[in-house]
Amino acid sequence: MQFNYSALDSYEFELLSRDVAQRLTGIKLSCYTEGKDGGIDASDYYFGPNVRPSVVVQAKRWIQRASYSKLESTMAALIDQLNSCDKLPSKSLIIAVASGVSEVFQRRLSTKAETLGVSDFQLLDSVKFDQFLSDESNSDILRNHFKLWI
């Protein structure tokens, strides 16, 4: 089933991305209010000062298909920014986009992330979101984001 990600505003897409990433990683995550966030739209719910988060999520509500160069520059800037403030996640870096991304782009991004020091990079795109949300075991998340299916 395909869902309507354009029905969500940017913050609602961040919340959806947080909920999906939280379920995938098994780590409780928190979103933050609007403002300068250093590229972090969601991260560990509990982590203290001078402690790196284990998961960082950046959500981009790009409805149109993103080019590889746009995805790569976004990812590289995020990694650079996280490195500069010592917040590169210890477990997983997740970028979520509302558009589809080809397998070739996803593989190239994973390889690029690894060369930049991120061993577990995940890109959640509309295809992965659709598959995840169509799974009956995730119906609670789908119910919480009802705009996707009305």
C-alpha atoms as a PDB file:
ATOM      1  CA  MET A   1       0.000   0.000   0.000  1.00  0.00           C
ATOM      2  CA  GLN A   2       1.201   3.520  -0.773  1.00  0.00           C
ATOM      3  CA  PHE A   3       0.669   6.292   1.734  1.00  0.00           C
ATOM      4  CA  ASN A   4       0.310  10.057   1.253  1.00  0.00           C
ATOM      5  CA  TYR A   5       3.399  11.634   2.844  1.00  0.00           C
ATOM      6  CA  SER A   6       2.546  15.040   1.378  1.00  0.00           C
ATOM      7  CA  ALA A   7      -0.426  15.151   3.801  1.00  0.00           C
ATOM      8  CA  LEU A   8       2.066  15.526   6.668  1.00  0.00           C
ATOM      9  CA  ASP A   9       3.779  18.784   7.507  1.00  0.00           C
ATOM     10  CA  SER A  10       7.516  18.774   8.255  1.00  0.00           C
ATOM     11  CA  TYR A  11       7.110  18.215  11.991  1.00  0.00           C
ATOM     12  CA  GLU A  12       4.586  15.406  11.503  1.00  0.00           C
ATOM     13  CA  PHE A  13       7.036  13.728   9.118  1.00  0.00           C
ATOM     14  CA  GLU A  14       9.746  14.048  11.784  1.00  0.00           C
ATOM     15  CA  LEU A  15       7.419  12.346  14.290  1.00  0.00           C
ATOM     16  CA  LEU A  16       6.661   9.544  11.834  1.00  0.00           C
ATOM     17  CA  SER A  17      10.378   9.108  11.150  1.00  0.00           C
ATOM     18  CA  ARG A  18      11.070   9.003  14.888  1.00  0.00           C
ATOM     19  CA  ASP A  19       8.372   6.376  15.471  1.00  0.00           C
ATOM     20  CA  VAL A  20       9.626   4.142  12.659  1.00  0.00           C
ATOM     21  CA  ALA A  21      13.296   4.526  13.660  1.00  0.00           C
ATOM     22  CA  GLN A  22      12.411   3.834  17.286  1.00  0.00           C
ATOM     23  CA  ARG A  23      10.688   0.584  16.318  1.00  0.00           C
ATOM     24  CA  LEU A  24      13.559  -0.447  14.024  1.00  0.00           C
ATOM     25  CA  THR A  25      16.331   0.264  16.546  1.00  0.00           C
ATOM     26  CA  GLY A  26      14.552  -0.631  19.775  1.00  0.00           C
ATOM     27  CA  ILE A  27      15.810   2.615  21.326  1.00  0.00           C
ATOM     28  CA  LYS A  28      13.407   5.233  22.705  1.00  0.00           C
ATOM     29  CA  LEU A  29      13.851   8.419  20.673  1.00  0.00           C
ATOM     30  CA  SER A  30      12.759  12.006  21.127  1.00  0.00           C
ATOM     31  CA  CYS A  31      12.005  14.763  18.620  1.00  0.00           C
ATOM     32  CA  TYR A  32      12.863  18.344  19.408  1.00  0.00           C
ATOM     33  CA  THR A  33      11.092  21.660  18.914  1.00  0.00           C
ATOM     34  CA  GLU A  34      11.696  23.728  15.826  1.00  0.00           C
ATOM     35  CA  GLY A  35      14.959  25.614  15.743  1.00  0.00           C
ATOM     36  CA  LYS A  36      18.647  25.171  15.122  1.00  0.00           C
ATOM     37  CA  ASP A  37      19.199  21.501  15.831  1.00  0.00           C
ATOM     38  CA  GLY A  38      22.512  20.678  14.200  1.00  0.00           C
ATOM     39  CA  GLY A  39      20.771  18.235  11.880  1.00  0.00           C
ATOM     40  CA  ILE A  40      19.266  16.181  14.684  1.00  0.00           C
ATOM     41  CA  ASP A  41      15.508  15.784  14.275  1.00  0.00           C
ATOM     42  CA  ALA A  42      15.370  12.851  16.704  1.00  0.00           C
ATOM     43  CA  SER A  43      17.848  11.055  18.939  1.00  0.00           C
ATOM     44  CA  ASP A  44      18.009   9.010  22.121  1.00  0.00           C
ATOM     45  CA  TYR A  45      15.361  10.060  24.605  1.00  0.00           C
ATOM     46  CA  TYR A  46      17.886   9.759  27.417  1.00  0.00           C
ATOM     47  CA  PHE A  47      21.479  10.832  26.973  1.00  0.00           C
ATOM     48  CA  GLY A  48      23.464  13.153  29.124  1.00  0.00           C
ATOM     49  CA  PRO A  49      25.954  15.927  28.558  1.00  0.00           C
ATOM     50  CA  ASN A  50      29.231  14.831  26.983  1.00  0.00           C
ATOM     51  CA  VAL A  51      27.605  11.553  25.937  1.00  0.00           C
ATOM     52  CA  ARG A  52      27.111  10.694  22.289  1.00  0.00           C
ATOM     53  CA  PRO A  53      23.635   9.547  21.282  1.00  0.00           C
ATOM     54  CA  SER A  54      23.375   5.998  19.984  1.00  0.00           C
ATOM     55  CA  VAL A  55      20.852   6.890  17.247  1.00  0.00           C
ATOM     56  CA  VAL A  56      20.413  10.115  15.280  1.00  0.00           C
ATOM     57  CA  VAL A  57      17.582  10.691  12.809  1.00  0.00           C
ATOM     58  CA  GLN A  58      17.316  13.455  10.253  1.00  0.00           C
ATOM     59  CA  ALA A  59      13.985  13.715   8.431  1.00  0.00           C
ATOM     60  CA  LYS A  60      13.615  15.472   5.099  1.00  0.00           C
ATOM     61  CA  ARG A  61      10.056  15.779   3.832  1.00  0.00           C
ATOM     62  CA  TRP A  62      11.167  15.779   0.207  1.00  0.00           C
ATOM     63  CA  ILE A  63       8.166  14.670  -1.825  1.00  0.00           C
ATOM     64  CA  GLN A  64       9.913  14.895  -5.212  1.00  0.00           C
ATOM     65  CA  ARG A  65      12.583  12.320  -5.984  1.00  0.00           C
ATOM     66  CA  ALA A  66      15.899  13.595  -4.661  1.00  0.00           C
ATOM     67  CA  SER A  67      19.047  13.499  -6.756  1.00  0.00           C
ATOM     68  CA  TYR A  68      22.035  11.531  -5.548  1.00  0.00           C
ATOM     69  CA  SER A  69      24.098  14.726  -5.202  1.00  0.00           C
ATOM     70  CA  LYS A  70      21.424  16.320  -2.988  1.00  0.00           C
ATOM     71  CA  LEU A  71      21.249  13.220  -0.787  1.00  0.00           C
ATOM     72  CA  GLU A  72      25.019  12.885  -0.616  1.00  0.00           C
ATOM     73  CA  SER A  73      25.606  16.539   0.254  1.00  0.00           C
ATOM     74  CA  THR A  74      22.873  16.423   2.916  1.00  0.00           C
ATOM     75  CA  MET A  75      24.367  13.286   4.459  1.00  0.00           C
ATOM     76  CA  ALA A  76      27.955  14.590   4.316  1.00  0.00           C
ATOM     77  CA  ALA A  77      26.946  17.936   5.885  1.00  0.00           C
ATOM     78  CA  LEU A  78      25.068  16.115   8.637  1.00  0.00           C
ATOM     79  CA  ILE A  79      28.016  13.830   9.415  1.00  0.00           C
ATOM     80  CA  ASP A  80      30.398  16.794   9.398  1.00  0.00           C
ATOM     81  CA  GLN A  81      28.136  18.771  11.737  1.00  0.00           C
ATOM     82  CA  LEU A  82      27.681  15.819  14.104  1.00  0.00           C
ATOM     83  CA  ASN A  83      31.434  15.190  14.143  1.00  0.00           C
ATOM     84  CA  SER A  84      32.165  18.834  14.953  1.00  0.00           C
ATOM     85  CA  CYS A  85      30.012  18.725  18.103  1.00  0.00           C
ATOM     86  CA  ASP A  86      30.955  15.122  19.018  1.00  0.00           C
ATOM     87  CA  LYS A  87      27.418  13.813  18.459  1.00  0.00           C
ATOM     88  CA  LEU A  88      28.086  11.229  15.763  1.00  0.00           C
ATOM     89  CA  PRO A  89      25.871   8.348  16.883  1.00  0.00           C
ATOM     90  CA  SER A  90      27.490   5.240  18.302  1.00  0.00           C
ATOM     91  CA  LYS A  91      24.907   2.871  16.800  1.00  0.00           C
ATOM     92  CA  SER A  92      22.982   4.209  13.820  1.00  0.00           C
ATOM     93  CA  LEU A  93      22.568   7.274  11.626  1.00  0.00           C
ATOM     94  CA  ILE A  94      19.194   7.370   9.876  1.00  0.00           C
ATOM     95  CA  ILE A  95      18.066   9.775   7.180  1.00  0.00           C
ATOM     96  CA  ALA A  96      14.375   9.642   6.304  1.00  0.00           C
ATOM     97  CA  VAL A  97      12.951  11.082   3.090  1.00  0.00           C
ATOM     98  CA  ALA A  98       9.355  11.125   1.851  1.00  0.00           C
ATOM     99  CA  SER A  99      10.356  10.315  -1.732  1.00  0.00           C
ATOM    100  CA  GLY A 100      11.571   7.087  -3.276  1.00  0.00           C
ATOM    101  CA  VAL A 101      15.294   6.419  -3.630  1.00  0.00           C
ATOM    102  CA  SER A 102      16.778   3.878  -6.021  1.00  0.00           C
ATOM    103  CA  GLU A 103      18.777   0.897  -4.791  1.00  0.00           C
ATOM    104  CA  VAL A 104      21.884   2.211  -6.561  1.00  0.00           C
ATOM    105  CA  PHE A 105      21.628   5.536  -4.695  1.00  0.00           C
ATOM    106  CA  GLN A 106      21.102   3.757  -1.388  1.00  0.00           C
ATOM    107  CA  ARG A 107      24.155   1.551  -1.885  1.00  0.00           C
ATOM    108  CA  ARG A 108      26.300   4.522  -2.921  1.00  0.00           C
ATOM    109  CA  LEU A 109      25.151   6.518   0.129  1.00  0.00           C
ATOM    110  CA  SER A 110      25.936   3.627   2.479  1.00  0.00           C
ATOM    111  CA  THR A 111      29.417   3.328   0.998  1.00  0.00           C
ATOM    112  CA  LYS A 112      29.950   7.091   1.285  1.00  0.00           C
ATOM    113  CA  ALA A 113      28.729   7.096   4.899  1.00  0.00           C
ATOM    114  CA  GLU A 114      31.205   4.342   5.731  1.00  0.00           C
ATOM    115  CA  THR A 115      34.086   6.350   4.256  1.00  0.00           C
ATOM    116  CA  LEU A 116      32.967   9.265   6.475  1.00  0.00           C
ATOM    117  CA  GLY A 117      33.132   7.115   9.619  1.00  0.00           C
ATOM    118  CA  VAL A 118      29.529   5.895   9.955  1.00  0.00           C
ATOM    119  CA  SER A 119      29.372   2.110  10.060  1.00  0.00           C
ATOM    120  CA  ASP A 120      25.562   1.801  10.357  1.00  0.00           C
ATOM    121  CA  PHE A 121      23.786   4.165   7.991  1.00  0.00           C
ATOM    122  CA  GLN A 122      20.145   3.672   7.056  1.00  0.00           C
ATOM    123  CA  LEU A 123      18.100   5.543   4.509  1.00  0.00           C
ATOM    124  CA  LEU A 124      14.352   5.307   4.977  1.00  0.00           C
ATOM    125  CA  ASP A 125      12.482   6.276   1.831  1.00  0.00           C
ATOM    126  CA  SER A 126       8.809   6.125   0.837  1.00  0.00           C
ATOM    127  CA  VAL A 127       9.154   2.514  -0.350  1.00  0.00           C
ATOM    128  CA  LYS A 128      10.555   1.412   3.013  1.00  0.00           C
ATOM    129  CA  PHE A 129       7.980   3.487   4.900  1.00  0.00           C
ATOM    130  CA  ASP A 130       5.147   1.947   2.821  1.00  0.00           C
ATOM    131  CA  GLN A 131       6.402  -1.577   3.481  1.00  0.00           C
ATOM    132  CA  PHE A 132       6.909  -0.897   7.189  1.00  0.00           C
ATOM    133  CA  LEU A 133       3.510   0.758   7.687  1.00  0.00           C
ATOM    134  CA  SER A 134       1.706  -1.985   5.733  1.00  0.00           C
ATOM    135  CA  ASP A 135       2.936  -4.601   8.193  1.00  0.00           C
ATOM    136  CA  GLU A 136       0.145  -5.422  10.662  1.00  0.00           C
ATOM    137  CA  SER A 137       2.613  -5.384  13.570  1.00  0.00           C
ATOM    138  CA  ASN A 138       3.118  -1.647  12.955  1.00  0.00           C
ATOM    139  CA  SER A 139      -0.563  -0.705  12.764  1.00  0.00           C
ATOM    140  CA  ASP A 140      -0.256   1.319  15.980  1.00  0.00           C
ATOM    141  CA  ILE A 141       2.196   3.685  14.277  1.00  0.00           C
ATOM    142  CA  LEU A 142      -0.072   3.967  11.242  1.00  0.00           C
ATOM    143  CA  ARG A 143      -3.039   4.804  13.485  1.00  0.00           C
ATOM    144  CA  ASN A 144      -1.013   7.559  15.165  1.00  0.00           C
ATOM    145  CA  HIS A 145      -0.310   9.127  11.777  1.00  0.00           C
ATOM    146  CA  PHE A 146      -3.816   8.938  10.348  1.00  0.00           C
ATOM    147  CA  LYS A 147      -3.240  11.724   7.795  1.00  0.00           C
ATOM    148  CA  LEU A 148      -1.246   9.190   5.755  1.00  0.00           C
ATOM    149  CA  TRP A 149      -4.350   7.236   4.829  1.00  0.00           C
ATOM    150  CA  ILE A 150      -7.300   9.654   4.889  1.00  0.00           C
END
